[in-house]
Amino acid sequence: MATRGVLRLGDRTFPCTLGRSGCRALKREGDGATPIGKFSLETVLWRPDRGPPHTALPRRPIRPDDGWCDAVGDRNYNRPVRHPYPASAEHLWRADALYDIVVVLSANTRPRIQGRGSAIFMHLARPDGGPTAGCIALSRRDLRLVLERLGRGSRIVVTR
């Protein structure tokens, strides 16, 4: 299973990490795969105590109670929520640095289909380079460089 990829931006390439199950056209909640497709970059979220990224994309600071619902069947599935939340939801304010910068991708947003994957982000890579749970991860330096060059209307294409 390929868990390493390359993000191409113009004539530059950046190594990235993908989901532990590689890439799949038919994404399912919890399968560990990065979805194949063309996605817009919706919003950049960042930890305000760790410095804002420079980008022309819409952005918003993360608050300690921010979450993202991953509970299949919940009315807020694959949407931002506030903790405490009664259903399963990721915490965006994390002790590790993975979500210091998060780019929300348009995967399974319009239309939003229950069970087809939630919280598909581009975020910071693990220090050990390990795979994601279905996101795309880059080093802090590379993600900041990429964000400086992206603007409204930018798209990311995930292929095998």
C-alpha atoms as a PDB file:
ATOM      1  CA  MET A   1       0.000   0.000   0.000  1.00  0.00           C
ATOM      2  CA  ALA A   2       1.501   3.330  -1.069  1.00  0.00           C
ATOM      3  CA  THR A   3       1.427   5.768   1.832  1.00  0.00           C
ATOM      4  CA  ARG A   4       3.891   8.214   0.293  1.00  0.00           C
ATOM      5  CA  GLY A   5       3.048  10.658  -2.441  1.00  0.00           C
ATOM      6  CA  VAL A   6       4.182  13.800  -4.172  1.00  0.00           C
ATOM      7  CA  LEU A   7       2.370  17.119  -4.222  1.00  0.00           C
ATOM      8  CA  ARG A   8       3.128  19.025  -7.423  1.00  0.00           C
ATOM      9  CA  LEU A   9       2.732  22.789  -7.510  1.00  0.00           C
ATOM     10  CA  GLY A  10       3.902  24.340 -10.748  1.00  0.00           C
ATOM     11  CA  ASP A  11       7.453  23.129 -11.309  1.00  0.00           C
ATOM     12  CA  ARG A  12       7.982  22.293  -7.616  1.00  0.00           C
ATOM     13  CA  THR A  13       7.373  18.965  -5.912  1.00  0.00           C
ATOM     14  CA  PHE A  14       6.845  18.279  -2.222  1.00  0.00           C
ATOM     15  CA  PRO A  15       6.897  14.840  -0.575  1.00  0.00           C
ATOM     16  CA  CYS A  16       3.699  14.051   1.286  1.00  0.00           C
ATOM     17  CA  THR A  17       2.226  11.265   3.377  1.00  0.00           C
ATOM     18  CA  LEU A  18      -1.122   9.662   2.579  1.00  0.00           C
ATOM     19  CA  GLY A  19      -3.547   7.385   4.403  1.00  0.00           C
ATOM     20  CA  ARG A  20      -2.399   4.112   5.949  1.00  0.00           C
ATOM     21  CA  SER A  21      -4.541   2.255   3.369  1.00  0.00           C
ATOM     22  CA  GLY A  22      -3.239   4.238   0.395  1.00  0.00           C
ATOM     23  CA  CYS A  23      -5.706   5.969  -1.929  1.00  0.00           C
ATOM     24  CA  ARG A  24      -9.202   4.779  -2.854  1.00  0.00           C
ATOM     25  CA  ALA A  25     -11.886   5.999  -5.214  1.00  0.00           C
ATOM     26  CA  LEU A  26     -14.626   4.708  -2.904  1.00  0.00           C
ATOM     27  CA  LYS A  27     -13.760   6.197   0.482  1.00  0.00           C
ATOM     28  CA  ARG A  28     -15.463   4.785   3.591  1.00  0.00           C
ATOM     29  CA  GLU A  29     -15.416   6.186   7.123  1.00  0.00           C
ATOM     30  CA  GLY A  30     -12.568   4.676   9.120  1.00  0.00           C
ATOM     31  CA  ASP A  31     -10.910   2.847   6.204  1.00  0.00           C
ATOM     32  CA  GLY A  32      -7.658   4.809   6.544  1.00  0.00           C
ATOM     33  CA  ALA A  33      -7.592   5.707   2.837  1.00  0.00           C
ATOM     34  CA  THR A  34      -7.030   9.073   1.221  1.00  0.00           C
ATOM     35  CA  PRO A  35      -9.892   9.679  -1.227  1.00  0.00           C
ATOM     36  CA  ILE A  36      -9.106   9.927  -4.936  1.00  0.00           C
ATOM     37  CA  GLY A  37     -10.591  12.983  -6.607  1.00  0.00           C
ATOM     38  CA  LYS A  38     -10.331  16.712  -7.258  1.00  0.00           C
ATOM     39  CA  PHE A  39     -10.943  18.833  -4.181  1.00  0.00           C
ATOM     40  CA  SER A  40     -11.090  22.530  -3.468  1.00  0.00           C
ATOM     41  CA  LEU A  41      -9.238  23.992  -0.493  1.00  0.00           C
ATOM     42  CA  GLU A  42     -12.033  25.338   1.672  1.00  0.00           C
ATOM     43  CA  THR A  43     -10.474  26.929   4.755  1.00  0.00           C
ATOM     44  CA  VAL A  44      -7.123  27.045   6.514  1.00  0.00           C
ATOM     45  CA  LEU A  45      -7.352  26.518  10.279  1.00  0.00           C
ATOM     46  CA  TRP A  46      -4.391  27.154  12.542  1.00  0.00           C
ATOM     47  CA  ARG A  47      -3.382  27.222  16.197  1.00  0.00           C
ATOM     48  CA  PRO A  48      -3.057  30.924  17.070  1.00  0.00           C
ATOM     49  CA  ASP A  49      -0.443  30.157  19.720  1.00  0.00           C
ATOM     50  CA  ARG A  50       1.788  28.662  16.984  1.00  0.00           C
ATOM     51  CA  GLY A  51       1.612  31.450  14.394  1.00  0.00           C
ATOM     52  CA  PRO A  52      -0.637  32.031  11.382  1.00  0.00           C
ATOM     53  CA  PRO A  53       0.215  30.696   7.926  1.00  0.00           C
ATOM     54  CA  HIS A  54       0.545  33.218   5.096  1.00  0.00           C
ATOM     55  CA  THR A  55      -2.041  32.422   2.432  1.00  0.00           C
ATOM     56  CA  ALA A  56      -4.698  33.972   0.231  1.00  0.00           C
ATOM     57  CA  LEU A  57      -7.064  31.129   1.159  1.00  0.00           C
ATOM     58  CA  PRO A  58      -9.845  31.807   3.679  1.00  0.00           C
ATOM     59  CA  ARG A  59      -8.521  31.170   7.180  1.00  0.00           C
ATOM     60  CA  ARG A  60      -9.674  30.967  10.774  1.00  0.00           C
ATOM     61  CA  PRO A  61      -7.860  30.309  14.047  1.00  0.00           C
ATOM     62  CA  ILE A  62      -8.634  27.070  15.880  1.00  0.00           C
ATOM     63  CA  ARG A  63     -10.123  27.382  19.362  1.00  0.00           C
ATOM     64  CA  PRO A  64      -9.583  24.828  22.138  1.00  0.00           C
ATOM     65  CA  ASP A  65     -13.175  23.565  21.851  1.00  0.00           C
ATOM     66  CA  ASP A  66     -13.138  23.084  18.045  1.00  0.00           C
ATOM     67  CA  GLY A  67     -13.914  19.627  16.732  1.00  0.00           C
ATOM     68  CA  TRP A  68     -14.943  17.806  13.560  1.00  0.00           C
ATOM     69  CA  CYS A  69     -17.792  15.282  13.690  1.00  0.00           C
ATOM     70  CA  ASP A  70     -16.916  11.789  12.417  1.00  0.00           C
ATOM     71  CA  ALA A  71     -20.016   9.994  13.753  1.00  0.00           C
ATOM     72  CA  VAL A  72     -21.864   8.285  10.905  1.00  0.00           C
ATOM     73  CA  GLY A  73     -25.573   9.027  11.309  1.00  0.00           C
ATOM     74  CA  ASP A  74     -25.081  12.297  13.205  1.00  0.00           C
ATOM     75  CA  ARG A  75     -26.695  15.371  11.660  1.00  0.00           C
ATOM     76  CA  ASN A  76     -23.309  17.165  11.797  1.00  0.00           C
ATOM     77  CA  TYR A  77     -21.326  14.335  10.185  1.00  0.00           C
ATOM     78  CA  ASN A  78     -18.276  15.768   8.385  1.00  0.00           C
ATOM     79  CA  ARG A  79     -18.882  19.241   9.754  1.00  0.00           C
ATOM     80  CA  PRO A  80     -17.173  21.380  12.370  1.00  0.00           C
ATOM     81  CA  VAL A  81     -18.579  21.130  15.902  1.00  0.00           C
ATOM     82  CA  ARG A  82     -17.793  22.413  19.397  1.00  0.00           C
ATOM     83  CA  HIS A  83     -16.622  20.195  22.259  1.00  0.00           C
ATOM     84  CA  PRO A  84     -17.995  18.771  24.348  1.00  0.00           C
ATOM     85  CA  TYR A  85     -19.997  17.146  21.575  1.00  0.00           C
ATOM     86  CA  PRO A  86     -22.408  14.269  22.278  1.00  0.00           C
ATOM     87  CA  ALA A  87     -21.265  12.155  19.292  1.00  0.00           C
ATOM     88  CA  SER A  88     -17.794  11.125  18.117  1.00  0.00           C
ATOM     89  CA  ALA A  89     -15.759  14.112  16.950  1.00  0.00           C
ATOM     90  CA  GLU A  90     -12.076  14.764  16.446  1.00  0.00           C
ATOM     91  CA  HIS A  91     -10.437  17.444  18.565  1.00  0.00           C
ATOM     92  CA  LEU A  92      -8.758  20.017  16.339  1.00  0.00           C
ATOM     93  CA  TRP A  93      -6.768  21.532  19.225  1.00  0.00           C
ATOM     94  CA  ARG A  94      -4.279  18.708  19.730  1.00  0.00           C
ATOM     95  CA  ALA A  95      -1.323  18.109  22.020  1.00  0.00           C
ATOM     96  CA  ASP A  96       0.786  16.948  19.068  1.00  0.00           C
ATOM     97  CA  ALA A  97       1.541  19.399  16.246  1.00  0.00           C
ATOM     98  CA  LEU A  98      -0.370  17.630  13.449  1.00  0.00           C
ATOM     99  CA  TYR A  99      -3.232  20.127  13.394  1.00  0.00           C
ATOM    100  CA  ASP A 100      -1.219  23.289  14.035  1.00  0.00           C
ATOM    101  CA  ILE A 101      -2.126  24.032  10.393  1.00  0.00           C
ATOM    102  CA  VAL A 102      -5.117  22.304   8.791  1.00  0.00           C
ATOM    103  CA  VAL A 103      -6.477  22.810   5.285  1.00  0.00           C
ATOM    104  CA  VAL A 104     -10.078  21.617   5.040  1.00  0.00           C
ATOM    105  CA  LEU A 105     -10.553  19.828   1.713  1.00  0.00           C
ATOM    106  CA  SER A 106     -13.911  19.593  -0.031  1.00  0.00           C
ATOM    107  CA  ALA A 107     -13.932  15.780   0.205  1.00  0.00           C
ATOM    108  CA  ASN A 108     -17.482  14.538   0.867  1.00  0.00           C
ATOM    109  CA  THR A 109     -18.891  18.008   1.463  1.00  0.00           C
ATOM    110  CA  ARG A 110     -21.275  18.711  -1.455  1.00  0.00           C
ATOM    111  CA  PRO A 111     -23.105  16.435  -1.430  1.00  0.00           C
ATOM    112  CA  ARG A 112     -22.251  15.159   2.043  1.00  0.00           C
ATOM    113  CA  ILE A 113     -22.920  11.421   2.190  1.00  0.00           C
ATOM    114  CA  GLN A 114     -23.035   9.588   5.527  1.00  0.00           C
ATOM    115  CA  GLY A 115     -20.180   7.090   5.847  1.00  0.00           C
ATOM    116  CA  ARG A 116     -18.158   8.334   2.860  1.00  0.00           C
ATOM    117  CA  GLY A 117     -15.405   9.897   4.951  1.00  0.00           C
ATOM    118  CA  SER A 118     -15.003  12.837   7.273  1.00  0.00           C
ATOM    119  CA  ALA A 119     -12.257  15.218   8.350  1.00  0.00           C
ATOM    120  CA  ILE A 120     -10.252  14.869   5.131  1.00  0.00           C
ATOM    121  CA  PHE A 121      -7.582  17.500   5.615  1.00  0.00           C
ATOM    122  CA  MET A 122      -4.161  18.539   4.456  1.00  0.00           C
ATOM    123  CA  HIS A 123      -2.142  18.944   7.650  1.00  0.00           C
ATOM    124  CA  LEU A 124       1.310  18.616   9.192  1.00  0.00           C
ATOM    125  CA  ALA A 125       3.165  15.320   8.912  1.00  0.00           C
ATOM    126  CA  ARG A 126       4.117  13.128  11.846  1.00  0.00           C
ATOM    127  CA  PRO A 127       7.742  13.523  12.963  1.00  0.00           C
ATOM    128  CA  ASP A 128       8.367   9.853  12.107  1.00  0.00           C
ATOM    129  CA  GLY A 129       6.797  10.229   8.642  1.00  0.00           C
ATOM    130  CA  GLY A 130       4.050   7.738   9.481  1.00  0.00           C
ATOM    131  CA  PRO A 131       0.845   7.550   7.443  1.00  0.00           C
ATOM    132  CA  THR A 132      -2.308   9.511   8.119  1.00  0.00           C
ATOM    133  CA  ALA A 133      -5.833   8.239   8.814  1.00  0.00           C
ATOM    134  CA  GLY A 134      -6.861   9.360   5.304  1.00  0.00           C
ATOM    135  CA  CYS A 135      -5.509  12.886   5.001  1.00  0.00           C
ATOM    136  CA  ILE A 136      -2.562  14.386   3.131  1.00  0.00           C
ATOM    137  CA  ALA A 137       0.355  15.469   5.333  1.00  0.00           C
ATOM    138  CA  LEU A 138       3.388  17.633   4.597  1.00  0.00           C
ATOM    139  CA  SER A 139       6.302  18.933   6.614  1.00  0.00           C
ATOM    140  CA  ARG A 140       5.708  22.280   8.336  1.00  0.00           C
ATOM    141  CA  ARG A 141       8.107  24.054   5.958  1.00  0.00           C
ATOM    142  CA  ASP A 142       6.529  22.521   2.850  1.00  0.00           C
ATOM    143  CA  LEU A 143       2.941  23.140   3.950  1.00  0.00           C
ATOM    144  CA  ARG A 144       3.746  26.792   4.653  1.00  0.00           C
ATOM    145  CA  LEU A 145       5.434  27.140   1.223  1.00  0.00           C
ATOM    146  CA  VAL A 146       2.468  25.509  -0.514  1.00  0.00           C
ATOM    147  CA  LEU A 147      -0.046  27.740   1.303  1.00  0.00           C
ATOM    148  CA  GLU A 148       1.888  30.878   0.319  1.00  0.00           C
ATOM    149  CA  ARG A 149       1.424  29.928  -3.339  1.00  0.00           C
ATOM    150  CA  LEU A 150      -2.236  28.873  -3.263  1.00  0.00           C
ATOM    151  CA  GLY A 151      -5.238  31.119  -3.626  1.00  0.00           C
ATOM    152  CA  ARG A 152      -9.011  31.039  -3.816  1.00  0.00           C
ATOM    153  CA  GLY A 153     -10.087  28.612  -6.480  1.00  0.00           C
ATOM    154  CA  SER A 154      -7.048  26.344  -6.002  1.00  0.00           C
ATOM    155  CA  ARG A 155      -7.698  22.617  -6.283  1.00  0.00           C
ATOM    156  CA  ILE A 156      -5.852  19.503  -5.195  1.00  0.00           C
ATOM    157  CA  VAL A 157      -6.036  16.352  -7.290  1.00  0.00           C
ATOM    158  CA  VAL A 158      -5.388  12.967  -5.675  1.00  0.00           C
ATOM    159  CA  THR A 159      -4.576  10.110  -8.052  1.00  0.00           C
ATOM    160  CA  ARG A 160      -3.011   6.697  -7.657  1.00  0.00           C
END
